[in-house]
Amino acid sequence: MRKRHLTGAATAAVAPAASAVLALPRTAGAADTAPVGFGAGTTGGGTATAVTVSTPDAFKAAVTGGSAKVVKVNGLISLSGQIDIGSNTTVLGIGSSSGFTGGGLRLKKVTNVVVRNLDLSRAVKVGAETAVHSRMGAQMLVGNNVFRGTAVAVTTSRDSDADGYANLRGNDLGGAATEISRTGTFTSPPYGYTAEPASGVVTSMTAGAGAGKI
């Protein structure tokens, strides 16, 4: 099964009304020690005592609920579907080869979640082959990203009671389609950043991001 990637070193930002936020306002790098952009102030589990897990059942139990929690993943865990992550959670892979295969993590109607240093592969297909969704009237700007191995790069009209909005600029879609029903007015985040051209994103990401870089 092919891996599905969204690679972005410049901009993929969602307006504050959205229920989920993806913000990469600077060139991605392992040296970043705190969230930036709309993600600034995100603490995840904060200083909660860390729990180390190495099995699917232990991981699911550890990330459930809204209390503050830090969950360290030791080794490559095989999943058979999606695992829902609760609010106020940090998920951190140990070393350079810890993470998940055969499934994925879902952040739905939650806040304050940090996910770092994980090796993710062979994610299970859930519904359509899409990469980025804007739902329930959320305003989203997707800029200077590189998409590979996905049929639909950005959609505003699936899996939601109301369509979202999306403005796209400077992306390398890699042949993927887009389904943009509404563009909206969100064209500039309320913070400064320098967008790296999409042509340099893959090189920057592979050099400065990924498991084992923190």
Protein backbone atom coordinates (compact mmCIF):
# COMPACT_ATOMS: atom_id res chain seq x y z
CA MET A 1 0.00 0.00 0.00
CA ARG A 2 1.34 3.41 -0.84
CA LYS A 3 2.13 5.94 1.84
CA ARG A 4 0.11 9.11 1.71
CA HIS A 5 1.89 12.35 2.42
CA LEU A 6 1.12 16.02 2.96
CA THR A 7 4.44 17.80 3.03
CA GLY A 8 4.41 21.46 3.92
CA ALA A 9 7.11 23.85 5.06
CA ALA A 10 5.25 27.06 4.46
CA THR A 11 1.56 27.53 5.12
CA ALA A 12 -1.38 25.33 5.98
CA ALA A 13 -3.39 27.45 8.34
CA VAL A 14 -6.97 27.36 9.54
CA ALA A 15 -8.87 30.36 10.83
CA PRO A 16 -9.73 30.43 14.56
CA ALA A 17 -13.32 29.31 13.95
CA ALA A 18 -12.10 25.87 12.84
CA SER A 19 -12.27 22.91 15.20
CA ALA A 20 -8.77 21.77 14.24
CA VAL A 21 -5.64 23.75 13.45
CA LEU A 22 -2.66 22.96 11.27
CA ALA A 23 -0.18 25.83 11.17
CA LEU A 24 3.33 25.71 9.73
CA PRO A 25 4.23 29.36 9.23
CA ARG A 26 8.00 28.85 9.01
CA THR A 27 10.34 26.40 7.38
CA ALA A 28 9.91 23.14 9.28
CA GLY A 29 12.80 22.20 11.51
CA ALA A 30 13.55 19.87 14.38
CA ALA A 31 14.94 22.76 16.40
CA ASP A 32 11.49 24.25 16.99
CA THR A 33 10.76 23.70 20.67
CA ALA A 34 7.36 25.41 20.86
CA PRO A 35 4.35 25.63 18.52
CA VAL A 36 4.10 28.74 16.34
CA GLY A 37 1.35 30.49 14.38
CA PHE A 38 -2.20 29.54 15.33
CA GLY A 39 -0.70 26.67 17.31
CA ALA A 40 1.20 29.02 19.63
CA GLY A 41 0.40 28.27 23.25
CA THR A 42 -0.35 24.59 22.64
CA THR A 43 0.99 22.55 25.57
CA GLY A 44 -0.46 19.08 25.05
CA GLY A 45 -0.07 17.09 28.24
CA GLY A 46 2.36 19.65 29.64
CA THR A 47 4.24 18.41 32.69
CA ALA A 48 2.04 15.37 33.35
CA THR A 49 3.95 12.22 34.29
CA ALA A 50 4.81 10.35 31.10
CA VAL A 51 3.45 6.87 30.38
CA THR A 52 5.38 4.62 27.97
CA VAL A 53 3.39 2.20 25.78
CA SER A 54 4.30 -0.46 23.24
CA THR A 55 0.97 -2.15 22.38
CA PRO A 56 -2.23 -0.95 20.65
CA ASP A 57 -4.42 -1.54 23.72
CA ALA A 58 -2.04 0.29 26.04
CA PHE A 59 -1.79 3.24 23.66
CA LYS A 60 -5.57 3.51 23.23
CA ALA A 61 -6.11 3.48 26.97
CA ALA A 62 -3.37 6.04 27.54
CA VAL A 63 -4.68 8.66 25.08
CA THR A 64 -8.38 8.42 25.99
CA GLY A 65 -10.10 11.25 27.84
CA GLY A 66 -9.51 14.95 28.35
CA SER A 67 -7.13 15.00 31.31
CA ALA A 68 -3.52 16.11 30.82
CA LYS A 69 -1.34 13.21 29.70
CA VAL A 70 2.03 12.55 28.06
CA VAL A 71 2.27 9.26 26.16
CA LYS A 72 5.61 7.97 24.89
CA VAL A 73 5.52 5.37 22.12
CA ASN A 74 8.27 2.76 22.29
CA GLY A 75 8.72 0.78 19.07
CA LEU A 76 6.54 0.39 15.99
CA ILE A 77 2.94 -0.38 16.97
CA SER A 78 0.65 -2.11 14.46
CA LEU A 79 -2.87 -0.66 14.33
CA SER A 80 -5.96 -2.02 12.62
CA GLY A 81 -7.79 1.30 12.34
CA GLN A 82 -7.94 4.81 13.73
CA ILE A 83 -7.26 5.67 17.37
CA ASP A 84 -9.06 8.73 18.78
CA ILE A 85 -6.79 11.07 20.71
CA GLY A 86 -8.27 12.99 23.65
CA SER A 87 -7.70 16.67 24.43
CA ASN A 88 -4.66 17.85 26.41
CA THR A 89 -2.42 15.07 25.12
CA THR A 90 1.20 14.82 24.04
CA VAL A 91 2.15 11.77 21.91
CA LEU A 92 5.91 11.42 21.53
CA GLY A 93 7.88 8.72 19.75
CA ILE A 94 11.04 7.41 21.43
CA GLY A 95 14.15 7.41 19.23
CA SER A 96 14.04 7.21 15.44
CA SER A 97 11.94 4.10 14.80
CA SER A 98 8.88 4.38 17.03
CA GLY A 99 5.42 5.05 15.68
CA PHE A 100 2.48 3.34 13.99
CA THR A 101 1.82 1.21 10.95
CA GLY A 102 -1.43 -0.04 9.41
CA GLY A 103 -3.60 2.62 11.05
CA GLY A 104 -3.68 6.23 12.14
CA LEU A 105 -4.49 8.83 14.78
CA ARG A 106 -7.71 10.87 14.71
CA LEU A 107 -8.12 14.28 16.34
CA LYS A 108 -11.84 15.04 16.24
CA LYS A 109 -13.52 17.73 18.34
CA VAL A 110 -10.49 17.95 20.61
CA THR A 111 -8.03 20.70 21.52
CA ASN A 112 -4.48 21.13 22.80
CA VAL A 113 -2.79 18.08 21.26
CA VAL A 114 0.91 17.70 20.42
CA VAL A 115 2.12 14.83 18.19
CA ARG A 116 5.88 14.54 17.57
CA ASN A 117 8.67 12.24 16.43
CA LEU A 118 6.57 9.39 15.07
CA ASP A 119 7.24 7.04 12.15
CA LEU A 120 3.85 6.71 10.40
CA SER A 121 3.30 4.27 7.52
CA ARG A 122 0.66 2.23 5.72
CA ALA A 123 -2.21 4.22 7.20
CA VAL A 124 -5.58 2.54 6.75
CA LYS A 125 -7.84 4.07 4.13
CA VAL A 126 -10.89 5.70 5.69
CA GLY A 127 -13.45 6.90 3.17
CA ALA A 128 -12.16 8.96 0.28
CA GLU A 129 -8.52 9.38 -0.74
CA THR A 130 -8.20 12.94 0.56
CA ALA A 131 -5.43 14.82 2.36
CA VAL A 132 -6.81 18.11 3.76
CA HIS A 133 -10.43 18.79 4.77
CA SER A 134 -12.13 22.06 5.63
CA ARG A 135 -15.45 21.44 7.40
CA MET A 136 -18.34 23.21 9.11
CA GLY A 137 -17.63 26.68 7.75
CA ALA A 138 -13.94 26.70 8.71
CA GLN A 139 -11.77 29.20 6.81
CA MET A 140 -8.51 27.62 5.60
CA LEU A 141 -5.42 28.79 3.72
CA VAL A 142 -3.20 26.13 2.13
CA GLY A 143 -0.03 27.49 0.59
CA ASN A 144 3.31 26.23 -0.75
CA ASN A 145 2.67 22.59 0.16
CA VAL A 146 3.61 19.42 -1.71
CA PHE A 147 1.07 16.60 -2.08
CA ARG A 148 1.99 13.06 -3.11
CA GLY A 149 0.07 9.79 -3.27
CA THR A 150 -3.39 11.27 -2.70
CA ALA A 151 -6.32 11.44 -5.10
CA VAL A 152 -7.81 14.66 -3.67
CA ALA A 153 -5.43 17.19 -2.13
CA VAL A 154 -7.96 19.58 -0.59
CA THR A 155 -11.72 19.29 -0.16
CA THR A 156 -14.34 21.53 1.43
CA SER A 157 -17.40 19.41 0.75
CA ARG A 158 -17.05 15.96 2.34
CA ASP A 159 -17.97 14.39 5.67
CA SER A 160 -19.62 17.48 7.12
CA ASP A 161 -23.05 19.00 7.66
CA ALA A 162 -21.77 22.26 6.16
CA ASP A 163 -19.05 22.99 3.60
CA GLY A 164 -15.85 24.71 4.63
CA TYR A 165 -13.76 27.32 2.82
CA ALA A 166 -10.27 27.03 1.33
CA ASN A 167 -7.86 29.33 -0.47
CA LEU A 168 -4.98 27.63 -2.27
CA ARG A 169 -1.77 29.24 -3.53
CA GLY A 170 1.68 28.06 -4.59
CA ASN A 171 1.06 24.36 -3.98
CA ASP A 172 2.51 21.39 -5.86
CA LEU A 173 -0.53 19.12 -6.12
CA GLY A 174 1.37 16.25 -7.70
CA GLY A 175 -1.53 15.52 -10.05
CA ALA A 176 -4.11 15.38 -7.25
CA ALA A 177 -7.55 16.90 -7.71
CA THR A 178 -9.15 19.57 -5.52
CA GLU A 179 -12.78 19.95 -4.46
CA ILE A 180 -13.22 23.58 -3.45
CA SER A 181 -16.87 24.54 -3.17
CA ARG A 182 -16.19 27.84 -1.34
CA THR A 183 -13.01 29.93 -1.13
CA GLY A 184 -13.89 32.42 1.62
CA THR A 185 -11.91 35.47 2.72
CA PHE A 186 -9.03 34.02 4.75
CA THR A 187 -5.95 34.90 2.69
CA SER A 188 -3.44 36.10 5.30
CA PRO A 189 -2.76 34.75 8.84
CA PRO A 190 -2.43 37.30 11.66
CA TYR A 191 1.29 36.57 12.13
CA GLY A 192 4.41 37.03 10.04
CA TYR A 193 6.10 34.25 8.11
CA THR A 194 8.21 33.61 5.04
CA ALA A 195 6.81 30.94 2.72
CA GLU A 196 9.38 28.66 1.16
CA PRO A 197 8.59 27.85 -2.49
CA ALA A 198 7.01 24.44 -3.00
CA SER A 199 10.01 23.45 -5.14
CA GLY A 200 12.22 23.41 -2.05
CA VAL A 201 9.81 21.90 0.46
CA VAL A 202 10.72 18.22 0.04
CA THR A 203 14.44 18.91 0.51
CA SER A 204 13.84 21.04 3.60
CA MET A 205 11.42 18.56 5.16
CA THR A 206 13.61 15.51 4.67
CA ALA A 207 16.62 17.38 6.07
CA GLY A 208 14.98 18.91 9.11
CA ALA A 209 11.92 16.87 10.05
CA GLY A 210 10.96 13.29 10.80
CA ALA A 211 11.43 10.73 13.52
CA GLY A 212 14.73 10.88 15.35
CA LYS A 213 15.32 14.59 14.67
CA ILE A 214 14.41 15.84 18.16
